[in-house]
Amino acid sequence: MNAMNGSLDTPSPPAESPGSTQSFRVAAAVAAFAAAIVLSACNTTEGVGKDIKSLGKGIEETASDAKDDMSD
Protein backbone atom coordinates (compact mmCIF):
# COMPACT_ATOMS: atom_id res chain seq x y z
CA MET A 1 0.00 0.00 0.00
CA ASN A 2 1.33 3.42 -0.84
CA ALA A 3 1.59 5.48 2.29
CA MET A 4 1.23 8.78 0.46
CA ASN A 5 -2.14 8.27 -1.22
CA GLY A 6 -3.49 5.05 0.31
CA SER A 7 -3.64 3.16 -3.01
CA LEU A 8 -2.26 -0.25 -3.80
CA ASP A 9 0.99 -0.29 -5.68
CA THR A 10 0.71 -2.24 -8.91
CA PRO A 11 3.71 -3.15 -10.97
CA SER A 12 3.98 -1.37 -14.27
CA PRO A 13 3.71 -3.51 -17.42
CA PRO A 14 7.01 -4.51 -18.96
CA ALA A 15 8.34 -2.10 -21.53
CA GLU A 16 7.98 -3.29 -25.11
CA SER A 17 11.08 -3.72 -27.13
CA PRO A 18 11.25 -1.28 -30.04
CA GLY A 19 10.69 -3.94 -32.69
CA SER A 20 7.99 -6.01 -31.01
CA THR A 21 5.05 -4.02 -32.42
CA GLN A 22 6.54 -4.12 -35.89
CA SER A 23 7.26 -7.84 -35.56
CA PHE A 24 3.66 -8.44 -34.53
CA ARG A 25 2.39 -6.50 -37.54
CA VAL A 26 4.63 -8.44 -39.89
CA ALA A 27 3.53 -11.75 -38.35
CA ALA A 28 -0.14 -10.74 -38.61
CA ALA A 29 0.31 -9.76 -42.27
CA VAL A 30 2.04 -13.06 -43.05
CA ALA A 31 -0.71 -14.99 -41.26
CA ALA A 32 -3.42 -13.13 -43.18
CA PHE A 33 -1.64 -13.78 -46.48
CA ALA A 34 -1.24 -17.49 -45.65
CA ALA A 35 -4.93 -17.73 -44.72
CA ALA A 36 -5.92 -16.13 -48.03
CA ILE A 37 -3.77 -18.64 -49.95
CA VAL A 38 -5.19 -21.60 -48.02
CA LEU A 39 -8.78 -20.45 -48.48
CA SER A 40 -8.33 -19.85 -52.19
CA ALA A 41 -6.78 -23.30 -52.51
CA CYS A 42 -10.01 -24.92 -51.30
CA ASN A 43 -11.57 -24.57 -54.75
CA THR A 44 -8.42 -25.95 -56.34
CA THR A 45 -8.38 -28.88 -53.94
CA GLU A 46 -12.02 -29.64 -54.71
CA GLY A 47 -11.22 -29.60 -58.43
CA VAL A 48 -8.29 -31.97 -57.94
CA GLY A 49 -10.54 -34.29 -55.97
CA LYS A 50 -13.08 -34.36 -58.80
CA ASP A 51 -10.31 -35.05 -61.33
CA ILE A 52 -8.99 -37.95 -59.26
CA LYS A 53 -12.50 -39.34 -58.87
CA SER A 54 -13.03 -39.12 -62.63
CA LEU A 55 -9.68 -40.80 -63.24
CA GLY A 56 -10.65 -43.60 -60.87
CA LYS A 57 -13.92 -44.16 -62.73
CA GLY A 58 -12.02 -44.33 -66.03
CA ILE A 59 -9.60 -46.91 -64.64
CA GLU A 60 -12.49 -48.92 -63.24
CA GLU A 61 -14.30 -48.93 -66.60
CA THR A 62 -11.11 -49.90 -68.46
CA ALA A 63 -10.47 -52.76 -66.04
CA SER A 64 -14.07 -53.92 -66.41
CA ASP A 65 -13.81 -53.82 -70.21
CA ALA A 66 -10.53 -55.76 -70.10
CA LYS A 67 -12.11 -58.38 -67.83
CA ASP A 68 -15.09 -58.71 -70.19
CA ASP A 69 -12.75 -59.10 -73.20
CA MET A 70 -10.80 -61.84 -71.42
CA SER A 71 -13.94 -63.81 -70.60
CA ASP A 72 -15.21 -63.78 -74.21
C-alpha atoms as a PDB file:
ATOM      1  CA  MET A   1       0.000   0.000   0.000  1.00  0.00           C
ATOM      2  CA  ASN A   2       1.328   3.416  -0.841  1.00  0.00           C
ATOM      3  CA  ALA A   3       1.588   5.482   2.288  1.00  0.00           C
ATOM      4  CA  MET A   4       1.234   8.779   0.463  1.00  0.00           C
ATOM      5  CA  ASN A   5      -2.143   8.270  -1.222  1.00  0.00           C
ATOM      6  CA  GLY A   6      -3.494   5.052   0.312  1.00  0.00           C
ATOM      7  CA  SER A   7      -3.637   3.159  -3.012  1.00  0.00           C
ATOM      8  CA  LEU A   8      -2.261  -0.254  -3.803  1.00  0.00           C
ATOM      9  CA  ASP A   9       0.994  -0.286  -5.679  1.00  0.00           C
ATOM     10  CA  THR A  10       0.711  -2.242  -8.905  1.00  0.00           C
ATOM     11  CA  PRO A  11       3.708  -3.146 -10.972  1.00  0.00           C
ATOM     12  CA  SER A  12       3.979  -1.366 -14.269  1.00  0.00           C
ATOM     13  CA  PRO A  13       3.712  -3.511 -17.417  1.00  0.00           C
ATOM     14  CA  PRO A  14       7.012  -4.507 -18.960  1.00  0.00           C
ATOM     15  CA  ALA A  15       8.337  -2.102 -21.535  1.00  0.00           C
ATOM     16  CA  GLU A  16       7.976  -3.295 -25.110  1.00  0.00           C
ATOM     17  CA  SER A  17      11.083  -3.719 -27.126  1.00  0.00           C
ATOM     18  CA  PRO A  18      11.253  -1.277 -30.037  1.00  0.00           C
ATOM     19  CA  GLY A  19      10.689  -3.938 -32.695  1.00  0.00           C
ATOM     20  CA  SER A  20       7.992  -6.008 -31.010  1.00  0.00           C
ATOM     21  CA  THR A  21       5.048  -4.022 -32.421  1.00  0.00           C
ATOM     22  CA  GLN A  22       6.544  -4.121 -35.893  1.00  0.00           C
ATOM     23  CA  SER A  23       7.262  -7.835 -35.555  1.00  0.00           C
ATOM     24  CA  PHE A  24       3.665  -8.439 -34.532  1.00  0.00           C
ATOM     25  CA  ARG A  25       2.391  -6.497 -37.536  1.00  0.00           C
ATOM     26  CA  VAL A  26       4.627  -8.442 -39.895  1.00  0.00           C
ATOM     27  CA  ALA A  27       3.533 -11.748 -38.346  1.00  0.00           C
ATOM     28  CA  ALA A  28      -0.139 -10.740 -38.609  1.00  0.00           C
ATOM     29  CA  ALA A  29       0.309  -9.763 -42.265  1.00  0.00           C
ATOM     30  CA  VAL A  30       2.043 -13.058 -43.048  1.00  0.00           C
ATOM     31  CA  ALA A  31      -0.709 -14.992 -41.258  1.00  0.00           C
ATOM     32  CA  ALA A  32      -3.425 -13.131 -43.181  1.00  0.00           C
ATOM     33  CA  PHE A  33      -1.642 -13.778 -46.476  1.00  0.00           C
ATOM     34  CA  ALA A  34      -1.243 -17.485 -45.654  1.00  0.00           C
ATOM     35  CA  ALA A  35      -4.933 -17.734 -44.723  1.00  0.00           C
ATOM     36  CA  ALA A  36      -5.916 -16.133 -48.030  1.00  0.00           C
ATOM     37  CA  ILE A  37      -3.773 -18.636 -49.947  1.00  0.00           C
ATOM     38  CA  VAL A  38      -5.187 -21.601 -48.025  1.00  0.00           C
ATOM     39  CA  LEU A  39      -8.777 -20.446 -48.475  1.00  0.00           C
ATOM     40  CA  SER A  40      -8.329 -19.847 -52.189  1.00  0.00           C
ATOM     41  CA  ALA A  41      -6.780 -23.304 -52.513  1.00  0.00           C
ATOM     42  CA  CYS A  42     -10.014 -24.915 -51.301  1.00  0.00           C
ATOM     43  CA  ASN A  43     -11.568 -24.567 -54.749  1.00  0.00           C
ATOM     44  CA  THR A  44      -8.415 -25.954 -56.344  1.00  0.00           C
ATOM     45  CA  THR A  45      -8.380 -28.884 -53.943  1.00  0.00           C
ATOM     46  CA  GLU A  46     -12.019 -29.638 -54.710  1.00  0.00           C
ATOM     47  CA  GLY A  47     -11.220 -29.601 -58.433  1.00  0.00           C
ATOM     48  CA  VAL A  48      -8.285 -31.968 -57.944  1.00  0.00           C
ATOM     49  CA  GLY A  49     -10.543 -34.295 -55.969  1.00  0.00           C
ATOM     50  CA  LYS A  50     -13.076 -34.356 -58.796  1.00  0.00           C
ATOM     51  CA  ASP A  51     -10.307 -35.045 -61.328  1.00  0.00           C
ATOM     52  CA  ILE A  52      -8.985 -37.953 -59.260  1.00  0.00           C
ATOM     53  CA  LYS A  53     -12.505 -39.342 -58.872  1.00  0.00           C
ATOM     54  CA  SER A  54     -13.031 -39.121 -62.631  1.00  0.00           C
ATOM     55  CA  LEU A  55      -9.679 -40.803 -63.243  1.00  0.00           C
ATOM     56  CA  GLY A  56     -10.653 -43.605 -60.871  1.00  0.00           C
ATOM     57  CA  LYS A  57     -13.921 -44.162 -62.734  1.00  0.00           C
ATOM     58  CA  GLY A  58     -12.024 -44.332 -66.027  1.00  0.00           C
ATOM     59  CA  ILE A  59      -9.597 -46.906 -64.640  1.00  0.00           C
ATOM     60  CA  GLU A  60     -12.487 -48.924 -63.235  1.00  0.00           C
ATOM     61  CA  GLU A  61     -14.295 -48.928 -66.602  1.00  0.00           C
ATOM     62  CA  THR A  62     -11.108 -49.896 -68.460  1.00  0.00           C
ATOM     63  CA  ALA A  63     -10.472 -52.764 -66.040  1.00  0.00           C
ATOM     64  CA  SER A  64     -14.067 -53.921 -66.409  1.00  0.00           C
ATOM     65  CA  ASP A  65     -13.805 -53.820 -70.208  1.00  0.00           C
ATOM     66  CA  ALA A  66     -10.532 -55.763 -70.102  1.00  0.00           C
ATOM     67  CA  LYS A  67     -12.107 -58.375 -67.830  1.00  0.00           C
ATOM     68  CA  ASP A  68     -15.090 -58.709 -70.189  1.00  0.00           C
ATOM     69  CA  ASP A  69     -12.750 -59.105 -73.203  1.00  0.00           C
ATOM     70  CA  MET A  70     -10.801 -61.838 -71.421  1.00  0.00           C
ATOM     71  CA  SER A  71     -13.939 -63.811 -70.597  1.00  0.00           C
ATOM     72  CA  ASP A  72     -15.213 -63.778 -74.210  1.00  0.00           C
END
